[in-house]
Amino acid sequence: MCTLVVLRHVHPEWPLVLAANRDELYARPAAGPQVLLSSPRAVGGKDLVRQGTWMGVTDAGLFVGLTNQRGSANLVQAPRSRGEVVLRALEAGSVEGIERYLAGLEPREYNAFNLLYGNAEVLRVAHVRPDSERVVSEEVPPGIHVLPNDVLNTPSMPKVARARLLAEAAARKPWPECVQMMKGMLADHELPERAPEVLPDEGVDTPELRERLRQYQALCIHTEGYGTRSSAILALAPGRVAHYLAADTAPCQGQYRDVTHLLYPEMEDEARSA
């Protein structure tokens, strides 16, 4: 997952709204939302290479989503999978359980990542770096926020300002209209005039590298071999998931489907008996 947009205590109906794009190599196989855990019941996409996930939510409304952090280390396979972290966090079942899990995490075993976790009442983000001895977490305040492959709301990535602008326009609309505008945001292809500055471990600063980094500043990415692979929009209420919509392709190319019923089997039973 590479971009997470957060509306916290902003939308008039739902205390937490999340919109997410997953950017990945086209060659890396993955599957769309499915039941990942039975207790607690959790639903999310699945990475078929290392069997983890980039994002998931439980039937009690606990959300966990992961974004990488910029740098060449992401090209090297670490001893342990970041997707495993999301699964274990969902399995913890609560914000407190996740924080106990993170307290025992060994950052040096993973490539750098950010972990957004919480529910309709509490939302936090953890930054995990291999060169740190411990995991650092911070509260996400009410408002509109963007978590890309960097720290929350970083000014160094143009896509953050673009996402916040588009999310602000959608944030207070009635839910059906909000959803349509959020879909448009996730499918946005606008590029900045300039790329973000090249980090020391991203390689030699060349025009080719700068152009590639500029292309990555679209919210919906399309480059050779790499791009936006899937998308999701969620609305969380206290103790439950109100809406979970997912697209299994780039949001500019495919239709979203409602997968909320995967969290609540009784919804499927009611639909069959109707």
Protein backbone atom coordinates (compact mmCIF):
# COMPACT_ATOMS: atom_id res chain seq x y z
CA MET A 1 0.00 0.00 0.00
CA CYS A 2 1.47 3.32 -0.99
CA THR A 3 -1.11 6.02 -0.30
CA LEU A 4 -3.61 6.18 2.56
CA VAL A 5 -6.00 9.14 2.83
CA VAL A 6 -7.69 9.68 6.19
CA LEU A 7 -10.83 11.64 7.06
CA ARG A 8 -10.97 11.59 10.85
CA HIS A 9 -14.01 13.18 12.51
CA VAL A 10 -14.62 15.17 9.33
CA HIS A 11 -17.39 13.36 7.44
CA PRO A 12 -20.91 14.10 8.78
CA GLU A 13 -21.95 10.42 8.88
CA TRP A 14 -18.84 8.38 9.60
CA PRO A 15 -16.15 9.20 12.18
CA LEU A 16 -13.42 7.51 10.14
CA VAL A 17 -13.24 7.32 6.36
CA LEU A 18 -10.21 5.80 4.63
CA ALA A 19 -9.24 5.74 0.96
CA ALA A 20 -6.26 3.70 -0.18
CA ASN A 21 -4.25 2.87 -3.29
CA ARG A 22 -1.84 -0.03 -3.42
CA ASP A 23 1.14 0.47 -5.75
CA GLU A 24 3.25 -2.56 -6.60
CA LEU A 25 5.18 -4.36 -9.31
CA TYR A 26 2.76 -5.70 -11.92
CA ALA A 27 4.54 -9.06 -11.82
CA ARG A 28 3.93 -9.65 -8.11
CA PRO A 29 0.79 -11.80 -7.76
CA ALA A 30 -1.94 -10.75 -5.35
CA ALA A 31 -5.60 -11.44 -4.64
CA GLY A 32 -8.45 -9.10 -3.73
CA PRO A 33 -10.29 -8.83 -0.40
CA GLN A 34 -10.95 -12.14 1.31
CA VAL A 35 -11.30 -13.52 4.82
CA LEU A 36 -7.78 -13.47 6.24
CA LEU A 37 -8.53 -14.45 9.85
CA SER A 38 -11.47 -16.15 11.51
CA SER A 39 -10.88 -14.86 15.06
CA PRO A 40 -11.14 -11.97 15.02
CA ARG A 41 -12.78 -12.07 11.61
CA ALA A 42 -10.64 -9.93 9.33
CA VAL A 43 -10.86 -9.12 5.64
CA GLY A 44 -8.23 -7.71 3.29
CA GLY A 45 -6.22 -8.32 0.15
CA LYS A 46 -3.53 -10.99 0.04
CA ASP A 47 0.03 -10.94 -1.26
CA LEU A 48 0.53 -14.35 -2.89
CA VAL A 49 4.34 -14.18 -2.69
CA ARG A 50 4.78 -13.94 1.08
CA GLN A 51 1.15 -14.57 2.14
CA GLY A 52 0.74 -11.29 4.02
CA THR A 53 -1.45 -8.26 3.37
CA TRP A 54 -1.03 -4.52 2.91
CA MET A 55 -4.33 -3.60 4.55
CA GLY A 56 -7.15 -5.20 6.48
CA VAL A 57 -10.06 -4.55 8.82
CA THR A 58 -11.85 -6.63 11.45
CA ASP A 59 -15.58 -7.04 11.99
CA ALA A 60 -15.19 -4.92 15.14
CA GLY A 61 -13.97 -1.99 13.04
CA LEU A 62 -10.22 -2.24 13.71
CA PHE A 63 -8.24 -1.02 10.69
CA VAL A 64 -4.59 -1.70 9.87
CA GLY A 65 -2.82 -0.39 6.77
CA LEU A 66 0.83 -0.29 5.78
CA THR A 67 2.87 1.96 3.50
CA ASN A 68 6.53 1.48 2.66
CA GLN A 69 9.10 4.17 3.28
CA ARG A 70 11.15 5.60 0.44
CA GLY A 71 14.60 4.19 -0.22
CA SER A 72 16.56 1.57 -2.11
CA ALA A 73 16.30 -0.90 0.80
CA ASN A 74 12.81 -1.75 -0.48
CA LEU A 75 14.47 -3.54 -3.40
CA VAL A 76 16.12 -6.03 -1.02
CA GLN A 77 14.12 -8.81 0.61
CA ALA A 78 14.31 -8.46 4.37
CA PRO A 79 14.33 -11.48 6.70
CA ARG A 80 10.67 -10.93 7.55
CA SER A 81 7.70 -9.67 5.52
CA ARG A 82 6.00 -6.38 6.29
CA GLY A 83 2.73 -8.00 5.22
CA GLU A 84 3.09 -10.34 8.18
CA VAL A 85 3.01 -7.29 10.47
CA VAL A 86 -0.44 -6.29 9.22
CA LEU A 87 -1.79 -9.79 9.79
CA ARG A 88 -0.37 -9.99 13.31
CA ALA A 89 -1.71 -6.53 14.11
CA LEU A 90 -5.21 -7.53 12.97
CA GLU A 91 -4.91 -10.70 15.01
CA ALA A 92 -4.11 -8.58 18.10
CA GLY A 93 -7.72 -7.38 17.88
CA SER A 94 -7.43 -3.96 19.53
CA VAL A 95 -5.35 -0.79 19.52
CA GLU A 96 -3.84 -1.80 22.85
CA GLY A 97 -3.06 -5.27 21.52
CA ILE A 98 -1.37 -3.80 18.46
CA GLU A 99 0.79 -1.56 20.61
CA ARG A 100 1.88 -4.50 22.75
CA TYR A 101 2.76 -6.36 19.55
CA LEU A 102 4.70 -3.39 18.15
CA ALA A 103 6.60 -2.98 21.43
CA GLY A 104 8.10 -6.44 20.89
CA LEU A 105 8.84 -5.93 17.19
CA GLU A 106 12.47 -6.04 16.04
CA PRO A 107 12.75 -3.23 13.43
CA ARG A 108 16.00 -4.57 11.97
CA GLU A 109 14.18 -7.63 10.64
CA TYR A 110 12.00 -5.55 8.27
CA ASN A 111 12.40 -3.02 5.51
CA ALA A 112 11.21 0.43 6.64
CA PHE A 113 7.44 0.97 6.83
CA ASN A 114 4.63 3.01 8.34
CA LEU A 115 1.66 1.35 10.05
CA LEU A 116 -1.67 3.14 10.37
CA TYR A 117 -3.92 1.44 12.92
CA GLY A 118 -7.05 2.19 14.89
CA ASN A 119 -10.80 2.48 14.80
CA ALA A 120 -13.58 5.07 14.90
CA GLU A 121 -12.37 6.27 18.32
CA VAL A 122 -8.55 6.05 18.20
CA LEU A 123 -6.13 6.31 15.29
CA ARG A 124 -2.34 6.11 15.41
CA VAL A 125 0.58 5.74 13.04
CA ALA A 126 3.85 3.92 13.76
CA HIS A 127 7.12 4.49 11.92
CA VAL A 128 9.38 1.44 11.77
CA ARG A 129 12.96 1.84 10.54
CA PRO A 130 15.72 -0.79 10.56
CA ASP A 131 18.17 1.69 12.08
CA SER A 132 15.91 2.35 15.09
CA GLU A 133 15.90 0.29 18.25
CA ARG A 134 12.19 0.74 18.86
CA VAL A 135 8.95 1.52 17.11
CA VAL A 136 7.79 5.15 17.37
CA SER A 137 4.03 5.84 17.31
CA GLU A 138 2.03 9.06 17.20
CA GLU A 139 -1.62 10.02 17.46
CA VAL A 140 -3.41 11.02 14.26
CA PRO A 141 -5.44 14.13 15.15
CA PRO A 142 -8.88 14.93 13.74
CA GLY A 143 -8.75 16.25 10.20
CA ILE A 144 -7.68 15.23 6.70
CA HIS A 145 -4.37 13.40 6.47
CA VAL A 146 -2.29 11.55 3.88
CA LEU A 147 0.18 8.75 4.61
CA PRO A 148 2.37 8.07 1.55
CA ASN A 149 5.76 6.31 1.38
CA ASP A 150 7.04 8.80 3.95
CA VAL A 151 5.89 10.35 7.21
CA LEU A 152 2.31 11.51 7.69
CA ASN A 153 1.48 14.62 5.64
CA THR A 154 5.06 15.05 4.44
CA PRO A 155 5.55 18.28 2.45
CA SER A 156 8.33 16.63 0.42
CA MET A 157 5.93 14.63 -1.78
CA PRO A 158 3.64 16.66 -4.12
CA LYS A 159 1.02 13.89 -4.18
CA VAL A 160 0.24 14.59 -0.51
CA ALA A 161 -0.93 18.15 -1.19
CA ARG A 162 -2.87 16.95 -4.24
CA ALA A 163 -4.64 14.20 -2.26
CA ARG A 164 -5.52 16.58 0.56
CA LEU A 165 -6.97 19.10 -1.88
CA LEU A 166 -9.20 16.47 -3.52
CA ALA A 167 -10.17 14.88 -0.19
CA GLU A 168 -11.13 18.27 1.23
CA ALA A 169 -13.63 18.73 -1.60
CA ALA A 170 -15.22 15.33 -0.85
CA ALA A 171 -14.98 15.23 2.93
CA ARG A 172 -18.29 16.78 3.96
CA LYS A 173 -20.51 15.57 1.13
CA PRO A 174 -23.31 13.02 1.68
CA TRP A 175 -21.86 9.52 1.55
CA PRO A 176 -22.83 8.56 -2.04
CA GLU A 177 -21.36 11.79 -3.37
CA CYS A 178 -18.32 11.53 -1.12
CA VAL A 179 -17.61 8.03 -2.44
CA GLN A 180 -17.76 9.15 -6.06
CA MET A 181 -15.39 12.02 -5.39
CA MET A 182 -13.00 9.78 -3.44
CA LYS A 183 -12.97 7.35 -6.36
CA GLY A 184 -12.01 10.25 -8.59
CA MET A 185 -9.25 11.22 -6.18
CA LEU A 186 -7.80 7.71 -6.16
CA ALA A 187 -7.90 7.64 -9.99
CA ASP A 188 -6.16 11.01 -10.32
CA HIS A 189 -3.21 11.10 -12.75
CA GLU A 190 -2.01 14.67 -12.26
CA LEU A 191 1.76 15.01 -12.08
CA PRO A 192 3.82 17.81 -10.54
CA GLU A 193 6.20 19.86 -12.65
CA ARG A 194 9.13 18.67 -10.55
CA ALA A 195 10.03 15.42 -8.83
CA PRO A 196 10.71 15.25 -5.09
CA GLU A 197 14.36 15.48 -4.10
CA VAL A 198 16.32 12.25 -4.58
CA LEU A 199 17.24 10.62 -1.27
CA PRO A 200 20.87 9.52 -0.77
CA ASP A 201 19.96 5.81 -0.84
CA GLU A 202 17.67 6.03 -3.88
CA GLY A 203 20.55 6.01 -6.35
CA VAL A 204 22.56 8.40 -8.45
CA ASP A 205 20.66 11.61 -9.13
CA THR A 206 20.04 11.41 -12.89
CA PRO A 207 17.32 12.88 -15.15
CA GLU A 208 15.97 9.35 -15.63
CA LEU A 209 15.63 8.74 -11.88
CA ARG A 210 14.04 12.14 -11.32
CA GLU A 211 11.48 11.46 -14.05
CA ARG A 212 10.64 8.07 -12.52
CA LEU A 213 10.15 9.69 -9.11
CA ARG A 214 7.98 12.36 -10.73
CA GLN A 215 5.77 9.67 -12.29
CA TYR A 216 5.36 8.14 -8.82
CA GLN A 217 3.74 11.39 -7.65
CA ALA A 218 0.49 10.59 -9.42
CA LEU A 219 -2.11 9.22 -7.05
CA CYS A 220 -2.91 6.58 -9.68
CA ILE A 221 0.45 5.43 -11.07
CA HIS A 222 1.10 3.87 -14.47
CA THR A 223 4.74 3.16 -15.34
CA GLU A 224 6.47 0.28 -17.05
CA GLY A 225 6.50 -2.65 -14.67
CA TYR A 226 5.02 -0.78 -11.68
CA GLY A 227 1.83 1.04 -10.81
CA THR A 228 -1.40 1.23 -8.87
CA ARG A 229 -2.78 -2.29 -8.62
CA SER A 230 -5.85 -1.98 -6.39
CA SER A 231 -7.89 0.46 -4.35
CA ALA A 232 -10.26 0.60 -1.40
CA ILE A 233 -12.64 2.99 0.38
CA LEU A 234 -13.88 2.29 3.91
CA ALA A 235 -16.20 3.97 6.39
CA LEU A 236 -15.92 2.97 10.04
CA ALA A 237 -18.45 3.48 12.81
CA PRO A 238 -17.91 2.61 16.49
CA GLY A 239 -17.49 -1.15 16.74
CA ARG A 240 -18.19 -1.95 13.10
CA VAL A 241 -17.39 -1.40 9.43
CA ALA A 242 -20.19 0.48 7.70
CA HIS A 243 -18.79 0.28 4.16
CA TYR A 244 -15.87 -1.53 2.50
CA LEU A 245 -15.57 -0.95 -1.26
CA ALA A 246 -12.72 -2.44 -3.28
CA ALA A 247 -11.36 -2.34 -6.82
CA ASP A 248 -9.01 -5.15 -7.83
CA THR A 249 -7.41 -3.08 -10.60
CA ALA A 250 -6.21 0.49 -10.93
CA PRO A 251 -9.12 2.71 -9.83
CA CYS A 252 -9.17 4.44 -13.23
CA GLN A 253 -9.76 1.09 -14.97
CA GLY A 254 -12.12 -1.04 -12.93
CA GLN A 255 -15.35 -1.07 -10.97
CA TYR A 256 -15.53 -1.07 -7.18
CA ARG A 257 -17.44 -3.85 -5.49
CA ASP A 258 -18.98 -3.87 -2.03
CA VAL A 259 -17.16 -6.48 0.10
CA THR A 260 -18.63 -5.46 3.48
CA HIS A 261 -20.56 -8.74 3.58
CA LEU A 262 -17.29 -10.68 3.88
CA LEU A 263 -16.98 -9.33 7.41
CA TYR A 264 -20.53 -10.22 8.38
CA PRO A 265 -21.69 -13.68 7.22
CA GLU A 266 -25.22 -12.89 8.39
CA MET A 267 -25.46 -10.36 5.57
CA GLU A 268 -24.85 -13.12 3.05
CA ASP A 269 -27.43 -15.36 4.74
CA GLU A 270 -30.03 -12.58 4.61
CA ALA A 271 -29.28 -11.93 0.94
CA ARG A 272 -29.70 -15.63 0.08
CA SER A 273 -32.99 -15.92 1.98
CA ALA A 274 -34.46 -12.73 0.54
